[in-house]
Amino acid sequence: MYIPPLCPIIGPYFYNPSVFLQFLYVIINHARFAKSITQIAMVLNRMTCVMMPAGYDHMWKKLTPMVWVSLLVIPFGGTWNCIISRVYIGPFRGGFTMNYIRTVEWAAVSFFQSIYILTALLFTVICTTVTVYKLFMLSRRIKSVEKSLFLSSILISIIFLLVGATQLAFAFCSVCQGSLLYVLQLLAFDTFTVGSAVIMIITDKRLRYSVLPCLWGPKKI
């Protein structure tokens, strides 16, 4: 998909329906849906850490297995039509891309992705607002923590808005659809995938030094 000179050689092997192509397309979309569930769990984790510090560890020891099960099960609510539909490849900007012929016409993946992403955005805004408010009301305000949370909230919201906008365009704007929107969607999802990790590295000095010690070098933190 990402090395155009190989596409004329490898492409013919995938012209006909295959279990591998079907599995690859479903697992990619399943991971995208799971990302929204992960984001909801992360912001809830952050909020409960501030609101209930005493019972936080005990609570999340019980909730973590439920989160893992949710990551496996809930995305099927958006990918079920991919599983029963025919997946095919098509040429795109010198390479090729995967698409599907919907068995159930109204059940578009972009429509379900819009619902999942906008739900995650709603949770992010509400939980981050509550978290920052609780920190602000502490008797001893932790300036560095508040700064990190504010920065994280802004960056995550921008990422979610970008992904949500491209998904809404795919789901409801037939005039907008085209190769440019497809490229923007890929860019948005790539940013969505790595965004949380990048934000953590930017806002956490200890994590930044642990992950990239060659760039920052040994320093006192």
Protein backbone atom coordinates (compact mmCIF):
# COMPACT_ATOMS: atom_id res chain seq x y z
CA MET A 1 0.00 0.00 0.00
CA TYR A 2 2.85 2.41 0.81
CA ILE A 3 5.47 1.38 -1.80
CA PRO A 4 3.94 2.24 -5.20
CA PRO A 5 6.59 0.50 -7.39
CA LEU A 6 5.64 -2.84 -5.81
CA CYS A 7 1.90 -2.40 -6.34
CA PRO A 8 1.75 -3.62 -10.00
CA ILE A 9 3.64 -6.75 -8.94
CA ILE A 10 1.84 -7.53 -5.68
CA GLY A 11 -1.58 -6.04 -6.49
CA PRO A 12 -2.85 -8.91 -8.72
CA TYR A 13 -2.55 -11.34 -5.80
CA PHE A 14 -5.26 -9.37 -3.99
CA TYR A 15 -7.69 -8.66 -6.82
CA ASN A 16 -9.86 -11.61 -5.85
CA PRO A 17 -11.60 -11.86 -2.43
CA SER A 18 -9.42 -13.53 0.19
CA VAL A 19 -9.54 -14.30 3.90
CA PHE A 20 -6.27 -12.42 4.44
CA LEU A 21 -7.56 -9.21 2.83
CA GLN A 22 -10.82 -9.48 4.79
CA PHE A 23 -8.98 -10.00 8.07
CA LEU A 24 -6.56 -7.13 7.40
CA TYR A 25 -9.35 -4.66 6.63
CA VAL A 26 -11.41 -5.70 9.66
CA ILE A 27 -8.45 -5.57 12.08
CA ILE A 28 -7.42 -2.09 10.89
CA ASN A 29 -10.92 -0.71 11.46
CA HIS A 30 -11.27 -2.65 14.72
CA ALA A 31 -8.11 -0.93 16.00
CA ARG A 32 -9.50 2.48 15.04
CA PHE A 33 -12.69 1.86 16.99
CA ALA A 34 -10.69 0.49 19.93
CA LYS A 35 -8.69 3.73 20.05
CA SER A 36 -11.84 5.64 20.95
CA ILE A 37 -12.57 3.19 23.77
CA THR A 38 -8.98 3.55 24.98
CA GLN A 39 -9.28 7.32 25.03
CA ILE A 40 -12.46 7.17 27.13
CA ALA A 41 -10.73 4.84 29.61
CA MET A 42 -7.70 7.13 29.82
CA VAL A 43 -9.66 10.30 30.63
CA LEU A 44 -11.84 8.42 33.14
CA ASN A 45 -8.66 7.08 34.75
CA ARG A 46 -7.24 10.59 35.02
CA MET A 47 -10.46 12.00 36.48
CA THR A 48 -10.92 9.27 39.11
CA CYS A 49 -7.27 9.65 40.15
CA VAL A 50 -8.01 13.24 41.14
CA MET A 51 -11.52 12.74 42.52
CA MET A 52 -10.91 9.53 44.49
CA PRO A 53 -7.17 9.25 45.22
CA ALA A 54 -7.68 6.91 48.17
CA GLY A 55 -9.66 4.25 46.33
CA TYR A 56 -8.15 4.83 42.89
CA ASP A 57 -5.81 1.79 42.83
CA HIS A 58 -8.42 -0.63 44.14
CA MET A 59 -11.05 0.66 41.70
CA TRP A 60 -8.88 0.34 38.59
CA LYS A 61 -7.64 -3.13 39.53
CA LYS A 62 -11.26 -4.17 39.03
CA LEU A 63 -11.97 -1.91 36.04
CA THR A 64 -8.87 -2.73 33.98
CA PRO A 65 -10.03 -6.27 32.98
CA MET A 66 -13.37 -4.76 31.98
CA VAL A 67 -11.56 -2.22 29.80
CA TRP A 68 -9.63 -5.00 28.06
CA VAL A 69 -12.84 -6.89 27.33
CA SER A 70 -14.46 -3.68 26.06
CA LEU A 71 -11.55 -3.10 23.66
CA LEU A 72 -12.17 -6.53 22.15
CA VAL A 73 -15.98 -6.54 22.08
CA ILE A 74 -17.34 -2.98 21.66
CA PRO A 75 -15.58 -2.22 18.32
CA PHE A 76 -17.62 -5.00 16.71
CA GLY A 77 -20.55 -2.60 16.98
CA GLY A 78 -18.92 -0.64 14.17
CA THR A 79 -17.10 -3.33 12.19
CA TRP A 80 -19.78 -5.99 11.89
CA ASN A 81 -20.72 -4.89 8.39
CA CYS A 82 -17.06 -5.15 7.29
CA ILE A 83 -17.01 -8.76 8.43
CA ILE A 84 -19.97 -9.76 6.25
CA SER A 85 -19.10 -7.54 3.27
CA ARG A 86 -16.74 -8.10 0.34
CA VAL A 87 -13.36 -6.35 0.70
CA TYR A 88 -11.42 -5.35 -2.39
CA ILE A 89 -8.41 -3.23 -3.36
CA GLY A 90 -8.33 -0.30 -5.76
CA PRO A 91 -5.67 2.00 -7.21
CA PHE A 92 -4.94 5.16 -5.28
CA ARG A 93 -2.23 7.77 -5.92
CA GLY A 94 0.22 5.34 -7.46
CA GLY A 95 -0.46 2.61 -4.90
CA PHE A 96 -3.65 0.89 -3.84
CA THR A 97 -6.08 1.04 -0.98
CA MET A 98 -8.71 -1.22 0.56
CA ASN A 99 -12.45 -0.67 0.45
CA TYR A 100 -15.57 -2.77 0.81
CA ILE A 101 -18.94 -3.34 -0.85
CA ARG A 102 -21.50 -2.94 1.91
CA THR A 103 -23.81 -5.91 2.46
CA VAL A 104 -26.02 -3.68 4.63
CA GLU A 105 -26.17 -0.43 2.70
CA TRP A 106 -26.92 1.97 5.57
CA ALA A 107 -24.25 0.58 7.95
CA ALA A 108 -21.25 2.60 6.76
CA VAL A 109 -18.04 2.29 8.77
CA SER A 110 -17.52 6.06 8.62
CA PHE A 111 -20.94 6.61 10.21
CA PHE A 112 -20.13 4.35 13.18
CA GLN A 113 -16.64 5.81 13.50
CA SER A 114 -18.18 9.29 13.75
CA ILE A 115 -20.34 8.12 16.65
CA TYR A 116 -17.44 6.49 18.50
CA ILE A 117 -15.05 9.40 17.98
CA LEU A 118 -17.55 12.09 18.95
CA THR A 119 -18.46 10.07 22.05
CA ALA A 120 -14.77 9.91 22.98
CA LEU A 121 -14.47 13.65 22.40
CA LEU A 122 -17.43 14.31 24.70
CA PHE A 123 -15.88 12.17 27.44
CA THR A 124 -12.54 13.92 26.94
CA VAL A 125 -13.99 17.41 27.33
CA ILE A 126 -16.13 16.54 30.37
CA CYS A 127 -13.53 14.45 32.22
CA THR A 128 -10.67 16.86 31.57
CA THR A 129 -12.79 19.81 32.71
CA VAL A 130 -13.68 18.01 35.95
CA THR A 131 -10.04 16.98 36.48
CA VAL A 132 -8.66 20.48 36.01
CA TYR A 133 -11.42 21.96 38.22
CA LYS A 134 -10.63 19.52 41.02
CA LEU A 135 -6.93 20.35 40.79
CA PHE A 136 -7.73 24.05 40.86
CA MET A 137 -9.76 23.58 44.05
CA LEU A 138 -6.94 21.81 45.90
CA SER A 139 -5.52 23.72 48.84
CA ARG A 140 -2.02 23.31 47.43
CA ARG A 141 -2.16 23.85 43.73
CA ILE A 142 0.34 21.83 41.70
CA LYS A 143 1.26 24.24 38.93
CA SER A 144 3.24 21.78 36.77
CA VAL A 145 0.45 19.20 36.87
CA GLU A 146 -2.18 21.77 35.95
CA LYS A 147 -0.04 23.04 33.07
CA SER A 148 0.40 19.51 31.72
CA LEU A 149 -3.31 18.76 31.96
CA PHE A 150 -4.28 21.99 30.20
CA LEU A 151 -1.82 21.30 27.40
CA SER A 152 -2.96 17.69 27.07
CA SER A 153 -6.61 18.72 26.96
CA ILE A 154 -6.05 21.27 24.20
CA LEU A 155 -3.94 18.96 22.02
CA ILE A 156 -6.23 15.94 22.43
CA SER A 157 -9.30 18.06 21.66
CA ILE A 158 -7.68 19.37 18.47
CA ILE A 159 -6.82 15.82 17.38
CA PHE A 160 -10.35 14.59 18.09
CA LEU A 161 -11.86 17.55 16.22
CA LEU A 162 -9.70 16.78 13.19
CA VAL A 163 -10.65 13.09 13.17
CA GLY A 164 -14.31 13.88 13.90
CA ALA A 165 -14.47 16.43 11.08
CA THR A 166 -13.08 14.01 8.48
CA GLN A 167 -15.41 11.26 9.67
CA LEU A 168 -18.48 13.49 9.56
CA ALA A 169 -17.52 14.58 6.05
CA PHE A 170 -17.24 10.93 4.97
CA ALA A 171 -20.49 9.98 6.63
CA PHE A 172 -22.76 12.87 5.66
CA CYS A 173 -21.15 14.99 2.91
CA SER A 174 -21.23 13.21 -0.44
CA VAL A 175 -19.94 16.31 -2.24
CA CYS A 176 -16.82 16.44 -0.02
CA GLN A 177 -15.73 12.89 -0.69
CA GLY A 178 -12.65 12.46 -2.86
CA SER A 179 -8.98 11.58 -2.81
CA LEU A 180 -8.03 14.72 -0.85
CA LEU A 181 -10.51 13.93 1.92
CA TYR A 182 -9.21 10.35 2.01
CA VAL A 183 -5.65 11.61 2.49
CA LEU A 184 -6.80 13.99 5.24
CA GLN A 185 -8.60 11.11 6.93
CA LEU A 186 -5.47 8.96 6.88
CA LEU A 187 -3.46 11.85 8.30
CA ALA A 188 -6.07 12.45 10.99
CA PHE A 189 -6.16 8.79 12.05
CA ASP A 190 -2.37 8.53 12.10
CA THR A 191 -2.27 11.60 14.34
CA PHE A 192 -5.08 10.10 16.42
CA THR A 193 -3.15 6.85 16.83
CA VAL A 194 0.12 8.36 18.06
CA GLY A 195 -1.27 11.59 19.54
CA SER A 196 -1.70 10.43 23.13
CA ALA A 197 1.80 8.96 23.29
CA VAL A 198 3.37 12.10 21.80
CA ILE A 199 1.45 14.33 24.22
CA MET A 200 2.65 12.24 27.19
CA ILE A 201 6.26 12.56 26.01
CA ILE A 202 5.90 16.33 25.52
CA THR A 203 4.36 17.00 28.91
CA ASP A 204 6.30 14.54 31.10
CA LYS A 205 10.03 15.29 31.55
CA ARG A 206 10.80 11.94 33.18
CA LEU A 207 9.09 9.98 30.43
CA ARG A 208 10.75 12.12 27.77
CA TYR A 209 14.19 11.43 29.24
CA SER A 210 13.46 7.69 29.56
CA VAL A 211 12.22 7.34 25.98
CA LEU A 212 14.72 9.63 24.24
CA PRO A 213 17.82 9.92 26.45
CA CYS A 214 20.09 10.40 23.42
CA LEU A 215 18.38 13.69 22.53
CA TRP A 216 18.05 15.21 25.98
CA GLY A 217 21.09 13.57 27.59
CA PRO A 218 21.55 12.97 31.31
CA LYS A 219 20.04 15.74 33.33
CA LYS A 220 18.61 16.37 36.75
CA ILE A 221 14.82 16.15 36.70
